[in-house]
C-alpha cells in the first residue's frame, strides 16, 4: 500500500490510478493530516462493443434494391443532363 499526497494525485493522476490497480489501494494524505483510501471498484473488462446490425437495418429500411431506371435518372441528374 502506497501513500501519496493530494498534490501528487492532482499532478499525476494516471500513475496514482495505475498504482491503485496494481497494489489494491492507495492512501491519499492531505496537508492537514486527513487521510483517504482509494480502492478500485471493478476490473476493466476487455469486452468488445456491440455494433448494430447494419445489414438488418438496411433490409428494414428498404428490402429491395433500387431499380436500374431510377439509378440511371439519378446519375443523369448528378451529371447535369
N, C-alpha and C. Protein backbone atom coordinates (compact mmCIF):
# COMPACT_ATOMS: atom_id res chain seq x y z
N UNK A 1 0.85 -1.17 0.00
CA UNK A 1 0.00 0.00 0.00
C UNK A 1 0.89 1.23 0.00
N UNK A 2 0.63 2.12 -0.95
CA UNK A 2 1.44 3.31 -1.11
C UNK A 2 0.67 4.53 -0.61
N UNK A 3 1.38 5.49 -0.07
CA UNK A 3 0.78 6.74 0.38
C UNK A 3 1.22 7.85 -0.56
N UNK A 4 0.25 8.63 -1.05
CA UNK A 4 0.54 9.77 -1.92
C UNK A 4 -0.11 11.01 -1.34
N UNK A 5 0.38 12.15 -1.77
CA UNK A 5 -0.21 13.41 -1.32
C UNK A 5 -1.30 13.85 -2.29
N UNK A 6 -2.11 14.78 -1.86
CA UNK A 6 -3.15 15.34 -2.71
C UNK A 6 -2.51 16.01 -3.92
N UNK A 7 -1.38 16.65 -3.72
CA UNK A 7 -0.69 17.32 -4.83
C UNK A 7 -0.24 16.31 -5.88
N UNK A 8 0.30 15.18 -5.42
CA UNK A 8 0.73 14.14 -6.36
C UNK A 8 -0.47 13.57 -7.12
N UNK A 9 -1.58 13.39 -6.42
CA UNK A 9 -2.80 12.92 -7.08
C UNK A 9 -3.26 13.92 -8.12
N UNK A 10 -3.16 15.20 -7.81
CA UNK A 10 -3.57 16.25 -8.74
C UNK A 10 -2.66 16.31 -9.96
N UNK A 11 -1.36 16.20 -9.76
CA UNK A 11 -0.40 16.37 -10.85
C UNK A 11 -0.19 15.11 -11.69
N UNK A 12 -0.33 13.94 -11.09
CA UNK A 12 -0.04 12.69 -11.81
C UNK A 12 -1.11 11.65 -11.49
N UNK A 13 -2.34 11.97 -11.84
CA UNK A 13 -3.47 11.11 -11.51
C UNK A 13 -3.35 9.73 -12.14
N UNK A 14 -2.90 9.66 -13.37
CA UNK A 14 -2.82 8.38 -14.07
C UNK A 14 -1.90 7.39 -13.35
N UNK A 15 -0.75 7.87 -12.89
CA UNK A 15 0.16 6.94 -12.21
C UNK A 15 -0.40 6.52 -10.85
N UNK A 16 -1.13 7.40 -10.18
CA UNK A 16 -1.76 7.02 -8.91
C UNK A 16 -2.82 5.96 -9.15
N UNK A 17 -3.62 6.11 -10.21
CA UNK A 17 -4.63 5.11 -10.54
C UNK A 17 -3.97 3.78 -10.90
N UNK A 18 -2.87 3.85 -11.63
CA UNK A 18 -2.17 2.63 -12.03
C UNK A 18 -1.63 1.91 -10.79
N UNK A 19 -1.07 2.66 -9.86
CA UNK A 19 -0.58 2.09 -8.61
C UNK A 19 -1.73 1.47 -7.83
N UNK A 20 -2.86 2.14 -7.83
CA UNK A 20 -4.04 1.64 -7.12
C UNK A 20 -4.49 0.31 -7.70
N UNK A 21 -4.46 0.19 -9.03
CA UNK A 21 -4.83 -1.07 -9.66
C UNK A 21 -3.83 -2.18 -9.34
N UNK A 22 -2.55 -1.84 -9.31
CA UNK A 22 -1.51 -2.84 -9.07
C UNK A 22 -1.48 -3.30 -7.62
N UNK A 23 -1.58 -2.35 -6.70
CA UNK A 23 -1.42 -2.68 -5.28
C UNK A 23 -2.73 -2.91 -4.54
N UNK A 24 -3.85 -2.56 -5.14
CA UNK A 24 -5.14 -2.79 -4.49
C UNK A 24 -5.71 -1.59 -3.79
N UNK A 25 -4.87 -0.70 -3.29
CA UNK A 25 -5.36 0.53 -2.67
C UNK A 25 -4.22 1.53 -2.51
N UNK A 26 -4.60 2.79 -2.41
CA UNK A 26 -3.64 3.87 -2.20
C UNK A 26 -4.20 4.77 -1.12
N UNK A 27 -3.34 5.20 -0.21
CA UNK A 27 -3.74 6.15 0.81
C UNK A 27 -3.38 7.56 0.32
N UNK A 28 -4.34 8.46 0.36
CA UNK A 28 -4.12 9.85 -0.05
C UNK A 28 -4.05 10.69 1.22
N UNK A 29 -2.93 11.38 1.38
CA UNK A 29 -2.70 12.17 2.59
C UNK A 29 -2.87 13.65 2.28
N UNK A 30 -3.72 14.30 3.07
CA UNK A 30 -3.94 15.74 2.93
C UNK A 30 -2.94 16.48 3.80
N UNK A 31 -2.72 17.74 3.50
CA UNK A 31 -1.75 18.56 4.20
C UNK A 31 -2.06 18.69 5.70
N UNK A 32 -3.36 18.72 6.03
CA UNK A 32 -3.75 18.89 7.44
C UNK A 32 -3.80 17.58 8.22
N UNK A 33 -3.37 16.46 7.60
CA UNK A 33 -3.28 15.20 8.30
C UNK A 33 -4.40 14.22 7.98
N UNK A 34 -5.45 14.69 7.35
CA UNK A 34 -6.53 13.76 6.98
C UNK A 34 -6.02 12.77 5.95
N UNK A 35 -6.56 11.57 5.99
CA UNK A 35 -6.17 10.53 5.04
C UNK A 35 -7.41 9.90 4.43
N UNK A 36 -7.29 9.52 3.16
CA UNK A 36 -8.38 8.90 2.43
C UNK A 36 -7.85 7.66 1.74
N UNK A 37 -8.70 6.68 1.60
CA UNK A 37 -8.31 5.43 0.97
C UNK A 37 -8.96 5.36 -0.42
N UNK A 38 -8.14 5.11 -1.44
CA UNK A 38 -8.61 4.97 -2.81
C UNK A 38 -8.45 3.51 -3.20
N UNK A 39 -9.57 2.86 -3.51
CA UNK A 39 -9.53 1.46 -3.92
C UNK A 39 -10.27 1.30 -5.25
N UNK A 40 -9.80 0.39 -6.10
CA UNK A 40 -10.50 0.16 -7.36
C UNK A 40 -11.82 -0.58 -7.11
N UNK A 41 -12.84 -0.24 -7.88
CA UNK A 41 -14.15 -0.86 -7.71
C UNK A 41 -14.22 -2.17 -8.48
N UNK A 42 -14.01 -2.12 -9.78
CA UNK A 42 -14.08 -3.30 -10.63
C UNK A 42 -12.92 -3.29 -11.61
N UNK A 43 -12.57 -4.45 -12.06
CA UNK A 43 -11.55 -4.54 -13.10
C UNK A 43 -12.19 -4.14 -14.43
N UNK A 44 -11.39 -3.56 -15.30
CA UNK A 44 -11.87 -3.17 -16.62
C UNK A 44 -12.03 -4.42 -17.46
N UNK A 45 -13.19 -4.57 -18.06
CA UNK A 45 -13.40 -5.75 -18.89
C UNK A 45 -12.97 -5.44 -20.32
N UNK A 46 -12.44 -6.44 -20.97
CA UNK A 46 -11.98 -6.32 -22.34
C UNK A 46 -13.08 -6.77 -23.30
N UNK A 47 -14.30 -6.35 -23.02
CA UNK A 47 -15.43 -6.74 -23.84
C UNK A 47 -15.50 -5.88 -25.08
N UNK A 48 -15.79 -6.52 -26.20
CA UNK A 48 -15.93 -5.77 -27.44
C UNK A 48 -17.25 -5.03 -27.45
N UNK A 49 -17.28 -3.85 -28.05
CA UNK A 49 -18.55 -3.14 -28.12
C UNK A 49 -19.51 -3.88 -29.05
N UNK A 50 -20.79 -3.80 -28.74
CA UNK A 50 -21.78 -4.43 -29.59
C UNK A 50 -22.19 -3.45 -30.67
N UNK A 51 -21.82 -3.77 -31.90
CA UNK A 51 -22.15 -2.91 -33.03
C UNK A 51 -23.55 -3.25 -33.51
N UNK A 52 -24.26 -2.24 -33.99
CA UNK A 52 -25.59 -2.52 -34.53
C UNK A 52 -25.50 -3.35 -35.80
N UNK A 53 -26.54 -4.09 -36.08
CA UNK A 53 -26.58 -4.92 -37.28
C UNK A 53 -27.00 -4.04 -38.46
N UNK A 54 -26.01 -3.52 -39.18
CA UNK A 54 -26.29 -2.60 -40.26
C UNK A 54 -27.02 -3.27 -41.42
N UNK A 55 -26.73 -4.54 -41.66
CA UNK A 55 -27.40 -5.24 -42.74
C UNK A 55 -28.89 -5.37 -42.45
N UNK A 56 -29.23 -5.74 -41.22
CA UNK A 56 -30.64 -5.87 -40.85
C UNK A 56 -31.33 -4.51 -40.92
N UNK A 57 -30.62 -3.47 -40.52
CA UNK A 57 -31.20 -2.13 -40.58
C UNK A 57 -31.47 -1.73 -42.04
N UNK A 58 -30.52 -2.03 -42.90
CA UNK A 58 -30.68 -1.72 -44.32
C UNK A 58 -31.87 -2.47 -44.89
N UNK A 59 -32.02 -3.73 -44.53
CA UNK A 59 -33.14 -4.51 -45.02
C UNK A 59 -34.48 -4.00 -44.47
N UNK A 60 -34.48 -3.49 -43.25
CA UNK A 60 -35.71 -2.93 -42.68
C UNK A 60 -36.11 -1.66 -43.42
N UNK A 61 -35.11 -0.84 -43.77
CA UNK A 61 -35.41 0.43 -44.43
C UNK A 61 -35.89 0.19 -45.85
N UNK A 62 -35.19 -0.60 -46.59
CA UNK A 62 -35.57 -0.88 -47.98
C UNK A 62 -35.14 -2.30 -48.30
N UNK A 63 -36.12 -3.17 -48.51
CA UNK A 63 -35.80 -4.57 -48.70
C UNK A 63 -35.36 -4.90 -50.12
N UNK A 64 -35.83 -4.17 -51.13
CA UNK A 64 -35.43 -4.48 -52.49
C UNK A 64 -34.45 -3.42 -53.00
N UNK A 65 -33.59 -3.79 -53.94
CA UNK A 65 -32.63 -2.82 -54.47
C UNK A 65 -33.32 -1.75 -55.31
N UNK A 66 -32.66 -0.63 -55.48
CA UNK A 66 -33.20 0.46 -56.28
C UNK A 66 -33.20 0.03 -57.74
N UNK A 67 -34.33 0.22 -58.43
CA UNK A 67 -34.42 -0.20 -59.83
C UNK A 67 -33.40 0.52 -60.71
N UNK A 68 -32.89 -0.15 -61.75
CA UNK A 68 -31.86 0.44 -62.62
C UNK A 68 -32.30 1.72 -63.33
N UNK A 69 -33.60 1.82 -63.71
CA UNK A 69 -34.04 3.04 -64.40
C UNK A 69 -33.99 4.25 -63.49
N UNK A 70 -34.29 4.06 -62.20
CA UNK A 70 -34.20 5.18 -61.25
C UNK A 70 -32.73 5.54 -61.02
N UNK A 71 -31.86 4.54 -60.94
CA UNK A 71 -30.43 4.81 -60.79
C UNK A 71 -29.90 5.61 -61.97
N UNK A 72 -30.35 5.26 -63.17
CA UNK A 72 -29.92 5.99 -64.38
C UNK A 72 -30.38 7.43 -64.34
N UNK A 73 -31.62 7.67 -63.88
CA UNK A 73 -32.14 9.04 -63.79
C UNK A 73 -31.34 9.86 -62.76
N UNK A 74 -31.02 9.24 -61.63
CA UNK A 74 -30.24 9.94 -60.59
C UNK A 74 -28.84 10.26 -61.12
N UNK A 75 -28.22 9.30 -61.81
CA UNK A 75 -26.88 9.54 -62.38
C UNK A 75 -26.92 10.67 -63.39
N UNK A 76 -27.96 10.70 -64.22
CA UNK A 76 -28.09 11.78 -65.21
C UNK A 76 -28.29 13.13 -64.55
N UNK A 77 -29.06 13.15 -63.45
CA UNK A 77 -29.27 14.41 -62.73
C UNK A 77 -27.97 14.89 -62.08
N UNK A 78 -27.18 13.97 -61.59
CA UNK A 78 -25.90 14.35 -60.98
C UNK A 78 -24.94 14.90 -62.03
N UNK A 79 -24.96 14.30 -63.22
CA UNK A 79 -24.10 14.79 -64.30
C UNK A 79 -24.58 16.11 -64.87
N UNK A 80 -25.83 16.49 -64.57
CA UNK A 80 -26.36 17.75 -65.06
C UNK A 80 -27.04 17.62 -66.41
N UNK A 81 -27.47 16.48 -66.76
CA UNK A 81 -28.14 16.23 -68.05
C UNK A 81 -29.63 16.38 -67.92
